Amino acid sequence: MHFKLYAKYIFLSLIVIMTIFILQVIFVLKIFSPIFLLMPIIASFIIGILLTRVSIKNTDIAVLKNKVYIDPLTNIPNRMALNKDITNEQVRALFLLDISNFSTLNDLYGEKVGDVILIELSSFLSSIEEENYKVYRYMGDRFAFLCSVEQDENGHLAQMVNLFEKIERHIIGVVIDEKSIELNISIIMGGATKNMTSSIMEKADMALNYAKREKNPTVIYSESLKIEEHYANDLEQIELVKKALKEDRIIPVYQPIVKNGTKSYECLVRIKDKDRLISPAEFLTAIKKTRYYAQLSKVMIAKSFKYFSQKPGVAFSINLSFEDIVNPEVYAYLFEMVEAYGLGERLIIEIVESESVENFKTVTSFIKAIRALGTRIAIDDFGSGYSNFSYLLQMEPDFIKIDGSIIKDIDVSSQSYKLTKLIHEASKSMNIETIAEYIHNEAVHKKALELGIDAFQGYYIGLPAEDVDKG
């Protein structure tokens, strides 16, 4: 490419030289000398070189600009390209896609497999890309689609659902330890249309967060969803927890878990507000990403240990999320309490299932360390939506607590009954005990007994109480 440019400008230089020479002969014949010929030759050659360098520089800048807008891993347009293209007048909608189980897959199989997943998915998304939308790698495990079709909210939602179904059906093949493995990815999508006065990106991001919160796989932003009201409510709940922490109104209540007549207790968080106890269902989601979440966990750990240190021989369980376990402050505080009270052998840690396993290696390391102190492990809410038997293989829990959404209907739903049986039998084959949550009446209790479930919890078994002797 550079040679062709040099040849082009050398040729132009020769033309300039000949032109100047002819002009000299015609107009200044009397003072003609070799120096006059040499000067235009040198000048023309220098001009040619400069023009060539400018052209090469412009070419390099164009290549560099192109690289700036391309994601180096997946080779598709990146966030900068999205921010540039989103201002185009032809854009009518934006869809955001999040791989909800990416962190889990990445931690289970390693970063190289994680990269392969992103590359393979990008390739697939590009292959189904149509003229009316363009795909981008927005950030991390998030992708974006800009759509140019003019249609109403329902039309855009139908388009997004169609994309969702194509992607959910797609199988990604990876090679792990020289073995080919097929992986399914779980995704969630949120979108917004451009007929809004505020940022389409802001609205699409709000729709995606709303979809995650409501466990709805596809959501298009709409005023009717009242997403702003949810945000305002979250702020109220954060303020509620902040004030309760300051005024020491965070309390544990204890609900019995019965196995062969023996009771252990799960420690459940409540906020005391005058004559009522506020359930975590009202505030826990709102504070999950705030610093108050760790403070709440520490208060529950401290008060639960203090209480059961006065109840000899009684086992108790504390709920920890993945966020708690990977938080160094909570992690260290728990071990400090176990050593201070010496209750490791009576303690059961209930790890709450979540779609956001930030660091699976840290979790397995935590389990190994806490087990060394005699503590047992339970997987809470198993079957609630993000369950994966690979958790069991990695974490090797002592107990599985089958989620109440399955248990509550086993007396009337054959599907719930079969699913409970499947989980129980799979757990039994791995020497894991099962606990049925949400035993709310005698009929459900009888069905759980019939299935051979090991232990039971729910309002029919016993209500949560501030004092186990009065519950």
Protein backbone atom coordinates (compact mmCIF):
# COMPACT_ATOMS: atom_id res chain seq x y z
CA MET A 1 0.00 0.00 0.00
CA HIS A 2 2.83 2.44 0.91
CA PHE A 3 4.77 1.66 -2.31
CA LYS A 4 1.76 2.56 -4.46
CA LEU A 5 1.41 5.87 -2.63
CA TYR A 6 5.11 6.71 -3.15
CA ALA A 7 4.92 5.83 -6.85
CA LYS A 8 1.84 8.02 -7.25
CA TYR A 9 3.50 11.09 -5.73
CA ILE A 10 6.84 10.57 -7.52
CA PHE A 11 4.88 10.57 -10.79
CA LEU A 12 3.13 13.79 -9.74
CA SER A 13 6.49 15.29 -8.81
CA LEU A 14 7.85 14.57 -12.31
CA ILE A 15 4.90 16.31 -13.88
CA VAL A 16 5.47 19.35 -11.66
CA ILE A 17 9.18 19.38 -12.55
CA MET A 18 8.53 19.28 -16.29
CA THR A 19 5.91 22.01 -16.01
CA ILE A 20 8.25 24.30 -14.12
CA PHE A 21 11.10 23.53 -16.54
CA ILE A 22 8.99 24.48 -19.56
CA LEU A 23 7.89 27.69 -17.85
CA GLN A 24 11.49 28.58 -17.14
CA VAL A 25 12.51 28.02 -20.73
CA ILE A 26 9.68 30.19 -21.99
CA PHE A 27 9.79 33.06 -19.52
CA VAL A 28 13.27 33.20 -18.05
CA LEU A 29 15.42 31.79 -20.80
CA LYS A 30 18.09 34.41 -20.37
CA ILE A 31 18.78 33.57 -16.68
CA PHE A 32 18.32 29.84 -16.87
CA SER A 33 20.80 27.79 -14.83
CA PRO A 34 20.96 24.22 -13.35
CA ILE A 35 20.12 25.53 -9.86
CA PHE A 36 16.67 26.60 -11.03
CA LEU A 37 16.00 23.04 -12.24
CA LEU A 38 17.33 21.52 -9.03
CA MET A 39 15.17 23.65 -6.73
CA PRO A 40 11.77 22.53 -8.13
CA ILE A 41 12.98 18.93 -8.20
CA ILE A 42 13.82 19.05 -4.49
CA ALA A 43 10.67 20.98 -3.60
CA SER A 44 8.43 18.68 -5.58
CA PHE A 45 9.98 15.56 -4.07
CA ILE A 46 9.60 16.96 -0.53
CA ILE A 47 5.95 17.82 -1.24
CA GLY A 48 5.38 14.30 -2.53
CA ILE A 49 6.91 12.77 0.62
CA LEU A 50 4.85 15.00 2.91
CA LEU A 51 1.64 14.21 1.05
CA THR A 52 2.44 10.50 1.27
CA ARG A 53 3.07 10.67 5.02
CA VAL A 54 -0.17 12.58 5.58
CA SER A 55 -2.08 9.96 3.56
CA ILE A 56 -0.49 7.10 5.51
CA LYS A 57 -1.23 8.86 8.80
CA ASN A 58 -4.86 9.37 7.80
CA THR A 59 -5.10 5.67 6.90
CA ASP A 60 -3.65 4.66 10.31
CA ILE A 61 -6.09 6.98 12.11
CA ALA A 62 -8.99 5.40 10.24
CA VAL A 63 -7.79 1.92 11.27
CA LEU A 64 -7.34 3.07 14.89
CA LYS A 65 -10.83 4.60 14.94
CA ASN A 66 -12.26 1.31 13.72
CA LYS A 67 -10.48 -0.57 16.53
CA VAL A 68 -11.85 1.85 19.13
CA TYR A 69 -15.39 0.84 18.20
CA ILE A 70 -14.79 -2.94 18.09
CA ASP A 71 -14.67 -5.26 21.12
CA PRO A 72 -11.31 -7.09 20.93
CA LEU A 73 -12.59 -10.37 22.42
CA THR A 74 -15.79 -10.88 20.43
CA ASN A 75 -14.97 -8.73 17.36
CA ILE A 76 -18.40 -7.07 17.40
CA PRO A 77 -19.20 -3.38 18.04
CA ASN A 78 -18.58 -2.27 21.62
CA ARG A 79 -20.12 0.18 24.10
CA MET A 80 -18.47 3.21 22.44
CA ALA A 81 -20.03 2.20 19.14
CA LEU A 82 -23.39 1.79 20.89
CA ASN A 83 -23.15 5.25 22.46
CA LYS A 84 -22.35 6.72 19.03
CA ASP A 85 -25.04 4.82 17.09
CA ILE A 86 -27.81 5.31 19.66
CA THR A 87 -28.15 8.97 18.60
CA ASN A 88 -29.09 7.92 15.07
CA GLU A 89 -32.55 9.16 14.13
CA GLN A 90 -33.46 5.76 12.67
CA VAL A 91 -33.12 4.02 16.07
CA ARG A 92 -36.53 3.11 17.48
CA ALA A 93 -35.73 0.74 20.41
CA LEU A 94 -32.90 -0.60 22.54
CA PHE A 95 -32.80 -4.11 24.04
CA LEU A 96 -30.27 -5.09 26.72
CA LEU A 97 -29.37 -8.75 27.31
CA ASP A 98 -27.75 -10.10 30.48
CA ILE A 99 -26.41 -13.67 30.88
CA SER A 100 -27.82 -14.39 34.33
CA ASN A 101 -25.80 -17.55 34.95
CA PHE A 102 -22.52 -16.31 33.42
CA SER A 103 -20.75 -15.77 36.76
CA THR A 104 -21.63 -19.31 37.82
CA LEU A 105 -20.36 -20.84 34.56
CA ASN A 106 -17.25 -18.66 34.64
CA ASP A 107 -16.38 -19.70 38.20
CA LEU A 108 -17.23 -23.37 37.70
CA TYR A 109 -15.28 -23.84 34.47
CA GLY A 110 -12.75 -20.99 34.46
CA GLU A 111 -12.20 -17.71 32.62
CA LYS A 112 -11.10 -19.37 29.38
CA VAL A 113 -14.45 -21.16 29.12
CA GLY A 114 -16.13 -17.87 30.06
CA ASP A 115 -14.38 -16.18 27.14
CA VAL A 116 -15.41 -19.00 24.80
CA ILE A 117 -19.04 -18.54 25.90
CA LEU A 118 -18.89 -14.81 25.11
CA ILE A 119 -17.21 -15.41 21.74
CA GLU A 120 -19.63 -18.18 20.74
CA LEU A 121 -22.67 -16.17 21.82
CA SER A 122 -21.42 -13.09 19.95
CA SER A 123 -20.96 -15.19 16.83
CA PHE A 124 -24.48 -16.57 17.18
CA LEU A 125 -26.00 -13.14 17.79
CA SER A 126 -24.21 -11.82 14.70
CA SER A 127 -25.52 -14.74 12.64
CA ILE A 128 -29.14 -13.94 13.53
CA GLU A 129 -28.63 -10.19 13.15
CA GLU A 130 -31.12 -8.74 10.69
CA GLU A 131 -31.30 -5.49 8.75
CA ASN A 132 -33.62 -3.95 11.31
CA TYR A 133 -31.32 -4.36 14.33
CA LYS A 134 -27.61 -4.34 15.19
CA VAL A 135 -25.85 -6.19 18.02
CA TYR A 136 -23.18 -4.85 20.43
CA ARG A 137 -21.21 -6.16 23.39
CA TYR A 138 -22.35 -3.55 25.87
CA MET A 139 -20.23 -4.56 28.91
CA GLY A 140 -18.96 -7.77 30.55
CA ASP A 141 -21.67 -10.37 29.98
CA ARG A 142 -24.18 -7.85 28.65
CA PHE A 143 -25.15 -7.33 25.03
CA ALA A 144 -27.32 -4.71 23.33
CA PHE A 145 -29.52 -4.55 20.26
CA LEU A 146 -30.42 -1.32 18.46
CA CYS A 147 -33.65 -1.68 16.49
CA SER A 148 -34.78 0.52 13.62
CA VAL A 149 -38.30 -0.87 13.04
CA GLU A 150 -41.15 1.57 13.61
CA GLN A 151 -43.73 -0.17 15.83
CA ASP A 152 -45.55 0.15 19.15
CA GLU A 153 -44.47 -1.24 22.56
CA ASN A 154 -46.22 -4.56 21.94
CA GLY A 155 -44.47 -4.94 18.60
CA HIS A 156 -41.06 -4.29 20.16
CA LEU A 157 -41.87 -6.69 23.00
CA ALA A 158 -42.79 -9.39 20.48
CA GLN A 159 -39.50 -8.75 18.66
CA MET A 160 -37.57 -9.03 21.93
CA VAL A 161 -39.38 -12.23 22.95
CA ASN A 162 -38.53 -13.72 19.53
CA LEU A 163 -34.85 -12.89 20.09
CA PHE A 164 -35.02 -14.27 23.63
CA GLU A 165 -36.44 -17.61 22.46
CA LYS A 166 -33.80 -18.00 19.73
CA ILE A 167 -30.98 -17.32 22.18
CA GLU A 168 -32.38 -19.52 24.97
CA ARG A 169 -32.60 -22.47 22.54
CA HIS A 170 -29.01 -22.01 21.43
CA ILE A 171 -26.53 -24.56 22.79
CA ILE A 172 -22.93 -23.44 23.29
CA GLY A 173 -20.30 -26.11 22.85
CA VAL A 174 -17.03 -25.90 24.82
CA VAL A 175 -14.10 -28.24 25.39
CA ILE A 176 -13.14 -28.89 29.02
CA ASP A 177 -10.32 -31.30 29.85
CA GLU A 178 -10.39 -32.55 26.25
CA LYS A 179 -14.10 -33.34 26.55
CA SER A 180 -16.80 -31.59 24.53
CA ILE A 181 -19.54 -30.20 26.77
CA GLU A 182 -22.76 -28.50 25.75
CA LEU A 183 -23.86 -25.56 27.90
CA ASN A 184 -27.19 -23.77 28.12
CA ILE A 185 -27.06 -20.12 29.05
CA SER A 186 -29.82 -18.36 30.96
CA ILE A 187 -30.59 -14.83 29.85
CA ILE A 188 -32.82 -11.95 30.84
CA MET A 189 -33.72 -8.96 28.65
CA GLY A 190 -34.95 -5.44 29.22
CA GLY A 191 -35.74 -2.81 26.62
CA ALA A 192 -37.08 0.66 25.93
CA THR A 193 -38.47 2.56 22.95
CA LYS A 194 -37.28 5.95 21.72
CA ASN A 195 -40.61 7.72 22.09
CA MET A 196 -39.57 8.95 25.54
CA THR A 197 -38.29 12.31 26.69
CA SER A 198 -35.52 10.81 28.85
CA SER A 199 -32.56 8.59 27.95
CA ILE A 200 -33.44 5.36 26.15
CA MET A 201 -30.36 3.77 27.75
CA GLU A 202 -31.53 4.73 31.24
CA LYS A 203 -35.01 3.32 30.61
CA ALA A 204 -33.69 0.07 29.09
CA ASP A 205 -31.37 -0.40 32.08
CA MET A 206 -34.28 0.19 34.47
CA ALA A 207 -36.35 -2.38 32.55
CA LEU A 208 -33.51 -4.92 32.79
CA ASN A 209 -33.17 -4.43 36.55
CA TYR A 210 -36.94 -4.70 36.92
CA ALA A 211 -36.89 -7.95 34.91
CA LYS A 212 -34.23 -9.38 37.25
CA ARG A 213 -36.10 -8.32 40.34
CA GLU A 214 -39.45 -9.71 39.19
CA LYS A 215 -37.83 -12.78 37.56
CA ASN A 216 -39.58 -11.88 34.32
CA PRO A 217 -37.31 -12.82 31.39
CA THR A 218 -38.43 -10.05 28.99
CA VAL A 219 -39.57 -6.56 29.96
CA ILE A 220 -40.13 -3.44 27.84
CA TYR A 221 -40.15 -0.22 29.83
CA SER A 222 -43.62 1.21 30.26
CA GLU A 223 -45.12 3.87 32.49
CA SER A 224 -47.68 1.27 33.61
CA LEU A 225 -44.92 -0.78 35.27
CA LYS A 226 -44.38 2.11 37.70
CA ILE A 227 -40.66 1.37 37.85
CA GLU A 228 -39.90 4.82 39.27
CA GLU A 229 -42.30 4.07 42.13
CA HIS A 230 -40.36 0.86 42.86
CA TYR A 231 -37.16 2.92 43.01
CA ALA A 232 -38.79 5.40 45.39
CA ASN A 233 -40.02 2.52 47.58
CA ASP A 234 -36.50 1.07 47.64
CA LEU A 235 -35.18 4.37 48.95
CA GLU A 236 -37.80 4.29 51.72
CA GLN A 237 -36.82 0.73 52.68
CA ILE A 238 -33.13 1.63 52.73
CA GLU A 239 -33.94 4.49 55.09
CA LEU A 240 -36.02 2.09 57.23
CA VAL A 241 -33.08 -0.32 57.63
CA LYS A 242 -30.61 2.49 58.23
CA LYS A 243 -32.76 3.85 61.06
CA ALA A 244 -33.42 0.37 62.53
CA LEU A 245 -29.69 -0.36 62.64
CA LYS A 246 -29.01 2.93 64.39
CA GLU A 247 -31.79 2.33 66.95
CA ASP A 248 -30.96 -1.37 67.48
CA ARG A 249 -34.34 -2.61 66.23
CA ILE A 250 -32.94 -5.47 64.11
CA ILE A 251 -33.94 -8.70 65.87
CA PRO A 252 -33.78 -12.43 65.10
CA VAL A 253 -36.81 -14.69 65.41
CA TYR A 254 -36.41 -18.47 65.51
CA GLN A 255 -38.46 -21.00 63.55
CA PRO A 256 -38.24 -24.71 64.42
CA ILE A 257 -37.04 -27.39 62.00
CA VAL A 258 -38.18 -30.81 63.20
CA LYS A 259 -36.42 -34.10 62.51
CA ASN A 260 -37.56 -37.24 64.35
CA GLY A 261 -38.94 -35.11 67.17
CA THR A 262 -35.73 -33.09 67.63
CA LYS A 263 -35.83 -29.36 67.01
CA SER A 264 -33.20 -27.08 65.54
CA TYR A 265 -33.94 -23.43 64.71
CA GLU A 266 -33.49 -21.14 61.75
CA CYS A 267 -32.63 -17.55 62.67
CA LEU A 268 -34.78 -15.14 60.64
CA VAL A 269 -34.33 -11.37 60.49
CA ARG A 270 -37.08 -8.92 61.44
CA ILE A 271 -37.32 -5.18 62.10
CA LYS A 272 -39.22 -4.24 65.23
CA ASP A 273 -41.57 -1.35 64.53
CA LYS A 274 -43.75 -0.50 67.53
CA ASP A 275 -46.17 -3.42 67.89
CA ARG A 276 -45.30 -5.25 64.68
CA LEU A 277 -42.39 -7.15 63.18
CA ILE A 278 -41.46 -6.22 59.60
CA SER A 279 -40.62 -9.17 57.34
CA PRO A 280 -37.43 -9.11 55.24
CA ALA A 281 -39.63 -9.49 52.15
CA GLU A 282 -40.30 -5.76 52.52
CA PHE A 283 -36.71 -4.51 52.73
CA LEU A 284 -34.06 -7.11 51.91
CA THR A 285 -34.02 -6.72 48.11
CA ALA A 286 -33.79 -2.94 48.41
CA ILE A 287 -30.63 -3.01 50.55
CA LYS A 288 -28.87 -5.90 48.79
CA LYS A 289 -26.43 -3.61 46.96
CA THR A 290 -25.89 -1.18 49.85
CA ARG A 291 -23.43 -1.19 52.76
CA TYR A 292 -26.34 -1.75 55.15
CA TYR A 293 -26.69 -5.33 53.93
CA ALA A 294 -23.36 -6.35 55.48
CA GLN A 295 -24.23 -4.47 58.69
CA LEU A 296 -27.54 -6.32 58.89
CA SER A 297 -25.79 -9.68 58.45
CA LYS A 298 -23.31 -8.89 61.22
CA VAL A 299 -26.09 -7.90 63.65
CA MET A 300 -27.93 -11.16 62.93
CA ILE A 301 -24.76 -13.21 63.43
CA ALA A 302 -23.94 -11.49 66.74
CA LYS A 303 -27.44 -11.73 68.23
CA SER A 304 -27.99 -15.32 67.11
CA PHE A 305 -24.71 -16.52 68.62
CA LYS A 306 -25.39 -14.70 71.87
CA TYR A 307 -28.88 -16.22 72.13
CA PHE A 308 -27.93 -19.83 71.40
CA SER A 309 -24.87 -19.68 73.65
CA GLN A 310 -27.53 -19.76 76.37
CA LYS A 311 -29.33 -22.80 74.88
CA PRO A 312 -27.01 -25.78 75.43
CA GLY A 313 -27.18 -28.56 72.86
CA VAL A 314 -29.60 -26.75 70.51
CA ALA A 315 -28.53 -26.48 66.85
CA PHE A 316 -29.25 -23.26 64.96
CA SER A 317 -28.89 -22.06 61.38
CA ILE A 318 -27.96 -18.65 59.98
CA ASN A 319 -28.70 -17.51 56.43
CA LEU A 320 -25.80 -16.22 54.35
CA SER A 321 -26.01 -15.12 50.74
CA PHE A 322 -23.16 -15.37 48.24
CA GLU A 323 -22.76 -11.61 48.74
CA ASP A 324 -22.16 -12.20 52.46
CA ILE A 325 -19.60 -14.93 51.87
CA VAL A 326 -17.50 -12.92 49.41
CA ASN A 327 -17.64 -9.86 51.67
CA PRO A 328 -14.37 -9.96 53.70
CA GLU A 329 -15.96 -8.03 56.58
CA VAL A 330 -18.85 -10.49 57.06
CA TYR A 331 -16.61 -13.50 56.37
CA ALA A 332 -14.11 -12.51 59.07
CA TYR A 333 -16.83 -11.55 61.57
CA LEU A 334 -18.54 -14.94 61.31
CA PHE A 335 -15.29 -16.82 62.06
CA GLU A 336 -14.61 -14.43 64.93
CA MET A 337 -18.00 -15.28 66.47
CA VAL A 338 -17.56 -19.04 65.97
CA GLU A 339 -14.21 -18.94 67.78
CA ALA A 340 -15.44 -16.57 70.51
CA TYR A 341 -18.51 -18.67 71.42
CA GLY A 342 -17.23 -22.12 70.42
CA LEU A 343 -20.53 -23.04 68.75
CA GLY A 344 -19.16 -24.31 65.43
CA GLU A 345 -20.52 -27.83 65.87
CA ARG A 346 -24.04 -26.56 66.58
CA LEU A 347 -24.04 -24.07 63.73
CA ILE A 348 -25.59 -24.69 60.29
CA ILE A 349 -24.94 -22.15 57.54
CA GLU A 350 -27.83 -21.87 55.09
CA ILE A 351 -26.45 -20.58 51.80
CA VAL A 352 -29.18 -18.77 49.94
CA GLU A 353 -29.33 -19.67 46.27
CA SER A 354 -28.71 -16.75 43.96
CA GLU A 355 -28.13 -15.97 40.29
CA SER A 356 -25.15 -13.80 41.21
CA VAL A 357 -22.36 -16.10 42.30
CA GLU A 358 -19.61 -13.51 42.28
CA ASN A 359 -16.73 -15.83 43.11
CA PHE A 360 -17.44 -19.53 43.36
CA LYS A 361 -13.88 -20.33 44.43
CA THR A 362 -14.29 -18.05 47.45
CA VAL A 363 -17.53 -19.85 48.34
CA THR A 364 -15.98 -23.32 48.20
CA SER A 365 -12.98 -22.02 50.16
CA PHE A 366 -15.37 -20.63 52.80
CA ILE A 367 -17.20 -23.97 53.06
CA LYS A 368 -13.95 -25.84 53.56
CA ALA A 369 -12.78 -23.41 56.27
CA ILE A 370 -16.08 -23.32 58.20
CA ARG A 371 -16.45 -27.10 58.02
CA ALA A 372 -13.08 -27.43 59.74
CA LEU A 373 -14.79 -25.87 62.79
CA GLY A 374 -17.52 -28.53 62.78
CA THR A 375 -20.16 -26.39 61.04
CA ARG A 376 -22.60 -27.98 58.60
CA ILE A 377 -23.87 -26.54 55.30
CA ALA A 378 -27.40 -26.30 53.88
CA ILE A 379 -28.54 -25.01 50.48
CA ASP A 380 -31.60 -22.85 51.10
CA ASP A 381 -34.56 -22.39 48.71
CA PHE A 382 -33.41 -25.18 46.39
CA GLY A 383 -35.66 -25.20 43.32
CA SER A 384 -36.59 -21.53 43.55
CA GLY A 385 -35.47 -20.60 40.06
CA TYR A 386 -31.68 -20.67 39.84
CA SER A 387 -31.14 -24.23 41.11
CA ASN A 388 -28.39 -26.24 39.56
CA PHE A 389 -27.25 -29.69 40.64
CA SER A 390 -23.71 -28.60 39.81
CA TYR A 391 -23.96 -26.56 43.06
CA LEU A 392 -24.32 -29.83 44.93
CA LEU A 393 -21.30 -31.37 43.27
CA GLN A 394 -19.18 -28.31 44.06
CA MET A 395 -20.46 -27.48 47.53
CA GLU A 396 -21.31 -30.95 48.92
CA PRO A 397 -23.89 -29.68 51.44
CA ASP A 398 -25.17 -31.65 54.41
CA PHE A 399 -28.76 -30.49 53.78
CA ILE A 400 -30.96 -29.29 50.95
CA LYS A 401 -33.96 -27.19 51.87
CA ILE A 402 -36.56 -27.72 49.14
CA ASP A 403 -38.18 -24.39 48.35
CA GLY A 404 -41.68 -23.67 49.60
CA SER A 405 -42.89 -22.78 46.09
CA ILE A 406 -42.58 -26.52 45.29
CA ILE A 407 -43.56 -28.01 48.65
CA LYS A 408 -46.74 -26.00 49.27
CA ASP A 409 -48.69 -27.79 46.52
CA ILE A 410 -47.41 -31.38 46.77
CA ASP A 411 -50.79 -32.49 48.12
CA VAL A 412 -52.69 -31.20 45.06
CA SER A 413 -50.12 -30.96 42.24
CA SER A 414 -48.63 -34.10 40.72
CA GLN A 415 -45.87 -32.01 39.12
CA SER A 416 -44.81 -30.53 42.48
CA TYR A 417 -44.93 -34.01 44.02
CA LYS A 418 -42.77 -35.50 41.24
CA LEU A 419 -40.26 -32.65 41.41
CA THR A 420 -39.97 -32.98 45.19
CA LYS A 421 -39.45 -36.72 44.81
CA LEU A 422 -36.76 -36.16 42.16
CA ILE A 423 -34.85 -33.68 44.36
CA HIS A 424 -35.14 -35.93 47.42
CA GLU A 425 -33.95 -39.07 45.59
CA ALA A 426 -31.05 -37.23 43.92
CA SER A 427 -30.02 -35.78 47.30
CA LYS A 428 -30.30 -39.16 49.01
CA SER A 429 -27.99 -40.72 46.41
CA MET A 430 -25.38 -38.11 47.41
CA ASN A 431 -25.94 -38.62 51.17
CA ILE A 432 -27.55 -35.20 51.52
CA GLU A 433 -30.49 -34.81 53.90
CA THR A 434 -33.62 -33.00 52.70
CA ILE A 435 -35.72 -30.42 54.56
CA ALA A 436 -39.18 -29.47 53.32
CA GLU A 437 -40.01 -25.79 53.76
CA TYR A 438 -43.52 -24.30 53.84
CA ILE A 439 -45.30 -27.19 55.58
CA HIS A 440 -48.47 -25.17 56.04
CA ASN A 441 -51.09 -27.88 56.71
CA GLU A 442 -51.53 -31.53 57.64
CA ALA A 443 -52.08 -32.74 54.06
CA VAL A 444 -48.75 -31.28 52.87
CA HIS A 445 -47.00 -32.73 55.94
CA LYS A 446 -48.37 -36.22 55.21
CA LYS A 447 -47.21 -36.08 51.57
CA ALA A 448 -43.73 -34.97 52.65
CA LEU A 449 -43.58 -37.86 55.13
CA GLU A 450 -44.74 -40.24 52.39
CA LEU A 451 -41.84 -39.09 50.19
CA GLY A 452 -39.35 -39.80 52.95
CA ILE A 453 -38.25 -36.18 53.50
CA ASP A 454 -35.87 -36.04 56.48
CA ALA A 455 -36.99 -32.85 58.26
CA PHE A 456 -39.82 -30.31 58.16
CA GLN A 457 -40.31 -26.57 58.60
CA GLY A 458 -43.34 -24.30 58.22
CA TYR A 459 -46.23 -22.71 60.08
CA TYR A 460 -47.86 -26.12 60.61
CA ILE A 461 -44.66 -27.27 62.35
CA GLY A 462 -44.05 -24.09 64.33
CA LEU A 463 -44.23 -20.29 64.05
CA PRO A 464 -41.16 -18.01 64.25
CA ALA A 465 -40.78 -16.58 67.75
CA GLU A 466 -38.38 -14.32 69.63
CA ASP A 467 -37.97 -17.02 72.30
CA VAL A 468 -37.77 -20.72 71.39
CA ASP A 469 -39.28 -21.69 74.73
CA LYS A 470 -42.43 -19.68 73.95
CA GLY A 471 -42.77 -20.55 70.25
